[in-house]
Protein backbone atom coordinates (compact mmCIF):
# COMPACT_ATOMS: atom_id res chain seq x y z
CA MET A 1 38.50 155.57 -110.58
CA LYS A 2 37.13 152.67 -108.50
CA LYS A 3 35.22 154.64 -106.66
CA ASN A 4 33.40 155.60 -109.70
CA ASN A 5 33.30 152.31 -110.45
CA HIS A 6 31.30 151.29 -107.53
CA PHE A 7 28.77 154.16 -107.99
CA PHE A 8 28.15 153.25 -111.69
CA LEU A 9 27.62 149.31 -110.33
CA LEU A 10 25.30 150.64 -107.44
CA PHE A 11 23.26 152.95 -110.06
CA PHE A 12 23.26 150.04 -112.33
CA LEU A 13 21.68 147.60 -109.83
CA ILE A 14 19.67 150.32 -108.53
CA VAL A 15 17.99 151.01 -111.77
CA PHE A 16 17.62 147.64 -112.41
CA ASN A 17 15.83 146.78 -109.61
CA LEU A 18 13.05 149.60 -110.58
CA CYS A 19 12.78 148.17 -114.05
CA GLY A 20 12.09 144.85 -112.60
CA ALA A 21 9.55 146.48 -110.09
CA GLN A 22 7.65 148.47 -112.57
CA ASN A 23 7.76 145.45 -114.83
CA ALA A 24 5.36 143.54 -112.31
CA LYS A 25 3.94 146.30 -111.93
CA LYS A 26 2.66 146.55 -115.75
CA ILE A 27 1.96 142.30 -115.62
CA PHE A 28 -0.25 143.05 -113.05
CA ARG A 29 -2.12 145.76 -114.61
CA GLU A 30 -1.96 144.23 -118.12
CA LYS A 31 -3.87 140.99 -116.81
CA LEU A 32 -6.04 143.35 -114.41
CA SER A 33 -7.47 144.82 -117.87
CA VAL A 34 -8.56 141.42 -119.23
CA VAL A 35 -10.50 141.14 -116.46
CA GLU A 36 -11.97 144.98 -116.76
CA ASN A 37 -12.41 144.22 -120.87
CA TYR A 38 -14.61 141.25 -120.13
CA HIS A 39 -16.95 142.96 -117.87
CA LYS A 40 -16.42 146.44 -119.89
CA GLY A 41 -18.26 143.72 -122.76
CA LYS A 42 -15.28 143.78 -124.94
CA LYS A 43 -13.93 140.71 -127.09
CA THR A 44 -12.03 138.59 -124.82
CA PHE A 45 -10.76 135.32 -125.12
CA ILE A 46 -11.80 132.98 -121.96
CA THR A 47 -8.61 131.40 -122.48
CA GLU A 48 -6.88 135.12 -121.50
CA LEU A 49 -9.64 136.22 -119.24
CA LYS A 50 -8.78 132.54 -117.36
CA LYS A 51 -4.70 133.07 -117.09
CA SER A 52 -5.54 136.34 -115.92
CA ALA A 53 -7.94 135.22 -112.87
CA ILE A 54 -5.89 132.25 -112.01
CA PHE A 55 -2.48 135.23 -112.11
CA LEU A 56 -4.46 137.20 -110.24
CA THR A 57 -5.48 134.82 -107.44
CA GLU A 58 -2.41 132.99 -107.10
CA LEU A 59 -0.39 136.72 -106.25
CA THR A 60 -3.47 138.12 -104.35
CA GLU A 61 -4.79 135.19 -102.43
CA ILE A 62 -8.36 136.56 -103.67
CA GLN A 63 -9.92 133.53 -105.02
CA PHE A 64 -12.67 134.40 -108.20
CA GLU A 65 -15.91 133.44 -107.91
CA ILE A 66 -17.93 131.14 -110.82
CA TYR A 67 -21.27 133.92 -111.29
CA ASP A 68 -21.62 132.62 -115.06
CA SER A 69 -19.82 129.32 -116.46
CA TYR A 70 -20.07 127.74 -120.43
CA GLU A 71 -17.57 126.11 -122.51
CA MET A 72 -16.33 124.96 -119.00
CA SER A 73 -15.25 128.40 -118.70
CA GLU A 74 -14.81 129.87 -115.11
CA VAL A 75 -15.53 133.54 -115.49
CA THR A 76 -14.71 136.01 -112.71
CA SER A 77 -17.40 138.74 -111.13
CA LYS A 78 -17.59 141.97 -111.22
CA GLN A 79 -16.61 141.87 -106.86
CA ASN A 80 -13.45 140.39 -107.72
CA LEU A 81 -12.14 142.96 -110.51
CA LYS A 82 -13.11 145.85 -107.22
CA ASP A 83 -11.06 143.86 -104.24
CA TRP A 84 -8.04 143.29 -107.15
CA LYS A 85 -8.32 146.60 -108.08
CA ILE A 86 -8.01 147.82 -104.51
CA TRP A 87 -5.32 144.94 -103.28
CA TYR A 88 -3.17 146.71 -106.44
CA LYS A 89 -4.24 149.90 -104.83
CA LYS A 90 -2.73 148.86 -101.79
CA ASN A 91 0.00 146.33 -102.91
CA LYS A 92 1.51 147.51 -105.98
CA ASN A 93 5.00 148.98 -104.46
CA ASN A 94 5.09 145.77 -102.65
CA LEU A 95 5.40 143.85 -106.85
CA TYR A 96 8.64 142.67 -107.86
CA TRP A 97 9.75 140.54 -110.41
CA ASP A 98 11.26 137.28 -109.10
CA LYS A 99 14.60 136.44 -111.66
CA ILE A 100 15.18 132.61 -110.58
CA GLU A 101 11.02 131.30 -110.85
CA GLN A 102 10.62 133.97 -113.91
CA LYS A 103 7.35 135.18 -112.35
CA VAL A 104 5.75 138.03 -110.59
CA LYS A 105 5.37 137.92 -106.50
CA VAL A 106 4.71 140.28 -103.80
CA LYS A 107 7.13 141.36 -100.65
CA HIS A 108 5.51 140.55 -97.60
CA ASN A 109 5.60 143.07 -94.98
CA ARG A 110 5.69 141.53 -91.82
């Protein structure tokens, strides 16, 4: 019986960690979608665009460019979008949800 408890505990921890990784990927894709929709000409709130660009920059360390500015809002370039997509393809399996800091982080392979 004790063996079964250990198995279920291990199973729960694995599933819980996988869910955290999936949520981290989902959050990244949602932020990327905001930028992508903006560049496709879809209605985009500037505050959401800025929040998404800041999130992506902080996580990937890819600085976003200001190629247009109005109402004191910074707007990303299409090159930023391309760079963030490339970064995501290479690093998506290293994304995780930090439960303590309550934010998405990336594991750096050393």
